[in-house]
Amino acid sequence: MFAKEKKINMNKHSFLLVPLAALALAACGTTATSKDVKWISPVGSPALAFYDQGKNTNWTTAADPATGIVPAFATDDVDAIVFDGISGLNLIAKNNRNYQLASWISGGNFYLVSAKHTSLSDFAAGQTIETFVKTGNATRAFEKLAKDKWGWSYADTDLHVEAGVSAVGTALTGNPASFDYFVIAEPVLTAAKTALAKQTPAVSLFEVSLQDEWKKAYNQATIPAAALFVNKTSYSKNKDSIDVFIKEMQTRQDDAAANATKVSEAIVAYGDETEQKTRFGFTSTLVSNLQKANKFGIFKTGDISDKKSFANDFNVTLGGAAFADSLFL
């Protein structure tokens, strides 16, 4: 009797162990990952936050934000969008789009340059400026500084607006005298300076940092640039996975700000320089040269303590209203 009863008890225990083991395995299998998150971003500085994702087919990059990024806000086709933070907030508020700002990626890396002039005080009526994205932060910050702080006065026809910063770089290197001044951003600026130095005769540029001018004029840390926007429907369905995605992105931002060698090596592993430039908008060589001083303006952990205040301070300075809390994740 005791032997038989013992056998039965052992069987009960072994039956009990099976489902417990299965439950443990199932729990391990539910760990959230970001592998299915789909997102789109412009090439250029923000792409540095995805330096090791070049071969990830869930990531789409676009050279022209106006045609490649803006239309995505009207759909639920992607889980996340990288775009100019202030422009994105305004777009969402105006058109009631299904996205919220989740995190800031970069601050201003914007510059005013000239091959024809050597001082801000050289400006005179009738001189021309080329910039990019009329509603973008670079252009808006430039116009605020020019009119309020530098005393510039120019007609709307003297301001030529390109769809993206790459077009400004092309114009600058193709004919540096085609405009009196150019509003441009890194890393396009460094690529342009390298090309201009090889011309005969070599061309040098007068250069002003817009973020330094902004900080001096308005006592704000920098000019907001790129941010990550998350689709609200996606987030409600896949919160854990998207939270992992945001955390991983911040880790890469920290790498980009502190370990240029690691980032450069990952971009080299993606492909040759032509492939790198197509995918990221820059090459590993530019990263090595610029990121020792974080010229891409990438935010590391703790740089932006309050994502709403950072946006609102800038927008209010430009004469706008504070953004609604509902626009932020």
Protein backbone atom coordinates (compact mmCIF):
# COMPACT_ATOMS: atom_id res chain seq x y z
CA MET A 1 0.00 0.00 0.00
CA PHE A 2 2.70 2.50 0.98
CA ALA A 3 4.79 1.65 -2.07
CA LYS A 4 1.86 2.02 -4.40
CA GLU A 5 0.77 5.23 -2.76
CA LYS A 6 4.29 6.60 -3.04
CA LYS A 7 4.30 5.81 -6.74
CA ILE A 8 1.04 7.64 -7.24
CA ASN A 9 2.35 10.68 -5.35
CA MET A 10 5.50 10.76 -7.45
CA ASN A 11 3.39 10.70 -10.60
CA LYS A 12 1.34 13.59 -9.32
CA HIS A 13 4.50 15.57 -8.70
CA SER A 14 5.89 14.79 -12.11
CA PHE A 15 2.62 15.80 -13.77
CA LEU A 16 2.75 19.03 -11.79
CA LEU A 17 6.31 19.79 -12.88
CA VAL A 18 5.47 19.65 -16.57
CA PRO A 19 3.02 22.57 -16.70
CA LEU A 20 5.23 24.63 -14.35
CA ALA A 21 8.17 24.18 -16.72
CA ALA A 22 5.96 25.05 -19.67
CA LEU A 23 4.80 28.18 -17.91
CA ALA A 24 8.40 29.18 -17.21
CA LEU A 25 9.30 28.70 -20.87
CA ALA A 26 6.24 30.65 -21.97
CA ALA A 27 7.18 33.51 -19.67
CA CYS A 28 10.64 33.65 -21.23
CA GLY A 29 9.06 33.66 -24.69
CA THR A 30 6.99 36.78 -23.95
CA THR A 31 9.98 39.08 -23.37
CA ALA A 32 9.33 42.20 -25.45
CA THR A 33 11.64 42.99 -28.35
CA SER A 34 11.75 45.75 -30.94
CA LYS A 35 12.31 43.45 -33.91
CA ASP A 36 8.88 44.07 -35.47
CA VAL A 37 8.77 47.86 -34.97
CA LYS A 38 8.59 49.72 -38.30
CA TRP A 39 9.81 53.28 -38.59
CA ILE A 40 10.83 55.95 -41.07
CA SER A 41 13.38 58.74 -40.77
CA PRO A 42 15.16 61.31 -42.93
CA VAL A 43 18.79 60.75 -43.83
CA GLY A 44 21.26 63.00 -42.05
CA SER A 45 21.94 63.58 -38.36
CA PRO A 46 18.89 61.73 -36.94
CA ALA A 47 19.97 58.56 -38.75
CA LEU A 48 22.92 58.38 -36.37
CA ALA A 49 20.48 57.17 -33.71
CA PHE A 50 20.14 54.02 -35.84
CA TYR A 51 23.80 53.58 -36.76
CA ASP A 52 23.71 49.77 -36.45
CA GLN A 53 20.31 49.31 -38.10
CA GLY A 54 21.38 49.79 -41.72
CA LYS A 55 20.33 46.29 -42.76
CA ASN A 56 17.05 46.36 -40.85
CA THR A 57 14.30 46.21 -43.48
CA ASN A 58 11.80 47.68 -41.02
CA TRP A 59 13.64 51.01 -41.24
CA THR A 60 13.00 53.30 -44.21
CA THR A 61 15.09 56.41 -44.85
CA ALA A 62 14.06 59.34 -47.02
CA ALA A 63 16.23 62.02 -48.62
CA ASP A 64 13.34 64.48 -49.00
CA PRO A 65 11.30 64.88 -45.79
CA ALA A 66 8.53 66.78 -47.60
CA THR A 67 7.69 63.82 -49.82
CA GLY A 68 9.15 60.94 -47.82
CA ILE A 69 8.26 61.75 -44.21
CA VAL A 70 5.36 64.19 -43.97
CA PRO A 71 2.82 61.95 -45.78
CA ALA A 72 3.52 59.16 -43.27
CA PHE A 73 1.84 61.20 -40.52
CA ALA A 74 -1.48 60.80 -42.36
CA THR A 75 -1.31 56.99 -42.16
CA ASP A 76 -0.91 54.23 -39.59
CA ASP A 77 1.57 52.40 -41.84
CA VAL A 78 4.51 52.77 -39.47
CA ASP A 79 4.92 52.52 -35.72
CA ALA A 80 7.23 55.52 -35.45
CA ILE A 81 8.39 58.54 -37.43
CA VAL A 82 11.55 60.62 -37.02
CA PHE A 83 11.04 64.23 -38.06
CA ASP A 84 11.77 67.83 -37.11
CA GLY A 85 10.27 67.96 -33.63
CA ILE A 86 8.56 71.34 -33.70
CA SER A 87 7.29 70.90 -37.25
CA GLY A 88 5.95 67.48 -36.32
CA LEU A 89 4.09 68.82 -33.29
CA ASN A 90 2.54 71.59 -35.37
CA LEU A 91 1.58 69.14 -38.11
CA ILE A 92 -0.09 66.78 -35.64
CA ALA A 93 -1.95 69.58 -33.85
CA LYS A 94 -3.19 71.18 -37.05
CA ASN A 95 -4.27 67.98 -38.79
CA ASN A 96 -5.21 65.81 -35.79
CA ARG A 97 -2.70 63.10 -36.69
CA ASN A 98 -2.45 59.84 -34.75
CA TYR A 99 1.07 60.39 -33.38
CA GLN A 100 2.72 61.74 -30.22
CA LEU A 101 6.24 63.00 -29.55
CA ALA A 102 8.00 60.29 -27.57
CA SER A 103 11.62 61.40 -27.38
CA TRP A 104 14.11 63.99 -28.62
CA ILE A 105 16.98 62.76 -30.76
CA SER A 106 19.04 65.81 -31.61
CA GLY A 107 19.51 69.51 -31.12
CA GLY A 108 20.56 72.13 -33.58
CA ASN A 109 23.57 71.58 -35.80
CA PHE A 110 22.64 74.54 -37.99
CA TYR A 111 24.98 77.14 -39.45
CA LEU A 112 24.88 80.28 -41.53
CA VAL A 113 27.79 80.33 -43.99
CA SER A 114 29.02 82.52 -46.79
CA ALA A 115 31.76 82.41 -49.41
CA LYS A 116 31.15 86.08 -50.28
CA HIS A 117 30.99 87.79 -46.88
CA THR A 118 33.01 87.69 -43.68
CA SER A 119 30.64 89.22 -41.13
CA LEU A 120 26.97 89.36 -40.17
CA SER A 121 27.23 93.13 -40.47
CA ASP A 122 28.08 92.75 -44.19
CA PHE A 123 24.42 92.07 -44.92
CA ALA A 124 22.59 94.61 -47.05
CA ALA A 125 19.18 94.85 -48.70
CA GLY A 126 18.97 92.79 -51.88
CA GLN A 127 21.36 90.10 -50.72
CA THR A 128 20.09 86.54 -50.97
CA ILE A 129 19.87 83.58 -48.61
CA GLU A 130 19.35 79.91 -49.37
CA THR A 131 17.83 77.74 -46.65
CA PHE A 132 15.85 74.51 -46.36
CA VAL A 133 12.31 73.64 -45.22
CA LYS A 134 10.47 76.93 -44.66
CA THR A 135 8.71 75.68 -41.52
CA GLY A 136 11.75 73.84 -40.17
CA ASN A 137 13.61 74.86 -37.05
CA ALA A 138 16.75 75.94 -38.88
CA THR A 139 14.90 78.44 -41.06
CA ARG A 140 12.64 79.68 -38.28
CA ALA A 141 15.56 80.17 -35.89
CA PHE A 142 17.59 81.92 -38.58
CA GLU A 143 14.76 84.31 -39.43
CA LYS A 144 14.11 85.10 -35.76
CA LEU A 145 17.78 85.88 -35.14
CA ALA A 146 18.24 87.79 -38.40
CA LYS A 147 15.30 90.11 -37.92
CA ASP A 148 15.28 90.49 -34.12
CA LYS A 149 18.96 90.36 -33.20
CA TRP A 150 21.04 91.08 -36.30
CA GLY A 151 18.88 93.82 -37.78
CA TRP A 152 18.57 92.16 -41.18
CA SER A 153 15.74 93.18 -43.49
CA TYR A 154 15.06 91.24 -46.66
CA ALA A 155 12.21 90.55 -49.05
CA ASP A 156 10.54 87.14 -49.16
CA THR A 157 11.87 86.77 -52.71
CA ASP A 158 15.43 87.01 -51.37
CA LEU A 159 14.94 83.86 -49.29
CA HIS A 160 15.20 80.73 -51.44
CA VAL A 161 13.91 77.55 -49.76
CA GLU A 162 15.05 74.04 -50.66
CA ALA A 163 13.13 70.89 -49.76
CA GLY A 164 16.05 69.45 -47.80
CA VAL A 165 19.50 70.32 -46.52
CA SER A 166 21.23 68.10 -49.08
CA ALA A 167 20.05 70.45 -51.83
CA VAL A 168 21.68 73.37 -49.99
CA GLY A 169 24.94 71.44 -49.87
CA THR A 170 24.73 70.77 -53.60
CA ALA A 171 24.13 74.44 -54.36
CA LEU A 172 26.94 75.55 -52.07
CA THR A 173 29.54 73.23 -53.58
CA GLY A 174 28.28 73.71 -57.14
CA ASN A 175 28.43 77.50 -57.03
CA PRO A 176 29.39 79.01 -53.65
CA ALA A 177 28.68 82.50 -55.01
CA SER A 178 25.14 81.66 -56.11
CA PHE A 179 23.75 83.10 -52.85
CA ASP A 180 25.15 85.58 -50.37
CA TYR A 181 24.42 83.32 -47.42
CA PHE A 182 23.42 79.67 -46.91
CA VAL A 183 21.61 78.11 -43.95
CA ILE A 184 22.97 74.58 -43.71
CA ALA A 185 23.37 71.74 -41.23
CA GLU A 186 25.94 69.15 -40.28
CA PRO A 187 27.07 66.72 -41.60
CA VAL A 188 26.28 68.33 -44.98
CA LEU A 189 28.34 71.38 -44.03
CA THR A 190 31.54 69.42 -43.41
CA ALA A 191 31.09 67.49 -46.65
CA ALA A 192 30.65 70.79 -48.48
CA LYS A 193 33.73 72.35 -46.86
CA THR A 194 35.80 69.33 -47.85
CA ALA A 195 34.66 69.65 -51.47
CA LEU A 196 35.23 73.41 -51.53
CA ALA A 197 38.77 73.01 -50.19
CA LYS A 198 39.59 70.83 -53.21
CA GLN A 199 38.41 73.40 -55.74
CA THR A 200 40.84 75.63 -57.63
CA PRO A 201 41.17 78.08 -56.10
CA ALA A 202 40.13 76.63 -52.74
CA VAL A 203 37.01 78.23 -51.24
CA SER A 204 36.77 79.06 -47.55
CA LEU A 205 33.59 79.96 -45.68
CA PHE A 206 32.54 82.50 -43.09
CA GLU A 207 30.58 80.48 -40.53
CA VAL A 208 28.16 81.28 -37.69
CA SER A 209 26.65 78.68 -35.34
CA LEU A 210 22.91 79.35 -35.11
CA GLN A 211 22.59 77.39 -31.86
CA ASP A 212 25.34 79.48 -30.21
CA GLU A 213 23.60 82.65 -31.37
CA TRP A 214 20.25 81.31 -30.13
CA LYS A 215 21.63 80.41 -26.71
CA LYS A 216 23.21 83.84 -26.37
CA ALA A 217 20.06 85.66 -27.49
CA TYR A 218 17.36 83.66 -25.67
CA ASN A 219 19.15 81.75 -22.89
CA GLN A 220 17.93 78.35 -24.12
CA ALA A 221 20.12 75.26 -24.26
CA THR A 222 19.96 74.83 -28.03
CA ILE A 223 17.62 74.77 -31.02
CA PRO A 224 15.37 71.68 -31.11
CA ALA A 225 15.93 69.44 -34.10
CA ALA A 226 14.84 65.82 -34.62
CA ALA A 227 12.38 63.90 -32.49
CA LEU A 228 10.76 60.48 -32.48
CA PHE A 229 6.98 60.36 -32.93
CA VAL A 230 5.06 57.20 -32.03
CA ASN A 231 1.79 56.06 -33.55
CA LYS A 232 -0.82 56.03 -30.79
CA THR A 233 -2.64 52.96 -32.08
CA SER A 234 0.60 51.01 -32.36
CA TYR A 235 1.63 52.06 -28.88
CA SER A 236 -1.66 50.96 -27.34
CA LYS A 237 -1.29 47.53 -28.95
CA ASN A 238 2.47 47.05 -28.61
CA LYS A 239 3.54 49.28 -25.75
CA ASP A 240 6.25 46.98 -24.41
CA SER A 241 7.92 46.50 -27.80
CA ILE A 242 7.89 50.21 -28.60
CA ASP A 243 9.22 51.06 -25.14
CA VAL A 244 12.12 48.70 -25.87
CA PHE A 245 12.62 50.41 -29.23
CA ILE A 246 12.79 53.85 -27.57
CA LYS A 247 15.22 52.58 -24.93
CA GLU A 248 17.48 51.00 -27.56
CA MET A 249 17.42 54.21 -29.58
CA GLN A 250 18.56 56.19 -26.54
CA THR A 251 21.38 53.71 -25.96
CA ARG A 252 22.53 54.25 -29.54
CA GLN A 253 22.31 58.02 -29.03
CA ASP A 254 24.57 57.66 -25.99
CA ASP A 255 27.00 55.66 -28.13
CA ALA A 256 26.88 58.28 -30.86
CA ALA A 257 27.71 61.07 -28.41
CA ALA A 258 30.51 59.23 -26.63
CA ASN A 259 31.97 56.49 -28.84
CA ALA A 260 32.56 57.68 -32.40
CA THR A 261 34.80 54.68 -33.14
CA LYS A 262 32.08 52.14 -32.30
CA VAL A 263 29.53 54.00 -34.39
CA SER A 264 31.86 54.45 -37.34
CA GLU A 265 32.76 50.76 -37.37
CA ALA A 266 29.08 49.78 -37.45
CA ILE A 267 28.49 52.05 -40.45
CA VAL A 268 31.54 50.60 -42.23
CA ALA A 269 30.04 47.14 -41.71
CA TYR A 270 26.90 48.24 -43.55
CA GLY A 271 28.57 48.81 -46.92
CA ASP A 272 30.84 51.00 -49.01
CA GLU A 273 30.76 54.79 -48.83
CA THR A 274 28.20 55.15 -51.61
CA GLU A 275 25.87 52.73 -49.82
CA GLN A 276 26.49 54.46 -46.50
CA LYS A 277 25.62 57.87 -47.92
CA THR A 278 22.44 56.55 -49.54
CA ARG A 279 21.27 54.82 -46.38
CA PHE A 280 22.38 57.29 -43.70
CA GLY A 281 23.07 60.51 -45.58
CA PHE A 282 26.70 60.50 -44.41
CA THR A 283 29.76 58.25 -44.34
CA SER A 284 31.71 56.61 -41.56
CA THR A 285 34.55 59.03 -42.28
CA LEU A 286 32.33 62.00 -41.50
CA VAL A 287 31.21 60.35 -38.27
CA SER A 288 34.83 59.81 -37.22
CA ASN A 289 35.66 63.43 -37.96
CA LEU A 290 32.57 65.08 -36.49
CA GLN A 291 31.43 62.98 -33.56
CA LYS A 292 34.51 63.50 -31.45
CA ALA A 293 32.87 66.85 -30.72
CA ASN A 294 29.28 65.62 -31.22
CA LYS A 295 28.79 67.90 -34.21
CA PHE A 296 25.67 65.94 -35.14
CA GLY A 297 24.05 67.37 -32.00
CA ILE A 298 22.83 64.01 -30.71
CA PHE A 299 21.24 64.08 -27.25
CA LYS A 300 22.58 61.68 -24.66
CA THR A 301 20.67 60.48 -21.61
CA GLY A 302 19.79 63.40 -19.34
CA ASP A 303 20.38 66.19 -21.87
CA ILE A 304 16.65 66.89 -22.16
CA SER A 305 14.99 66.50 -18.79
CA ASP A 306 11.56 67.71 -19.90
CA LYS A 307 10.59 67.03 -23.51
CA LYS A 308 7.51 69.29 -23.33
CA SER A 309 9.30 72.30 -21.85
CA PHE A 310 12.08 71.98 -24.41
CA ALA A 311 9.55 72.20 -27.23
CA ASN A 312 7.41 74.90 -25.63
CA ASP A 313 10.27 77.25 -24.74
CA PHE A 314 11.38 77.31 -28.36
CA ASN A 315 7.91 77.61 -29.86
CA VAL A 316 6.82 80.41 -27.52
CA THR A 317 10.01 82.34 -28.29
CA LEU A 318 9.05 82.14 -31.96
CA GLY A 319 5.68 83.69 -31.12
CA GLY A 320 3.68 80.47 -31.01
CA ALA A 321 1.64 78.92 -28.22
CA ALA A 322 2.63 76.16 -25.85
CA PHE A 323 1.80 72.71 -27.19
CA ALA A 324 -1.01 70.67 -25.64
CA ASP A 325 0.05 67.89 -23.26
CA SER A 326 -1.86 65.41 -25.43
CA LEU A 327 0.74 65.80 -28.19
CA PHE A 328 3.38 64.11 -26.02
CA LEU A 329 3.69 60.44 -25.11
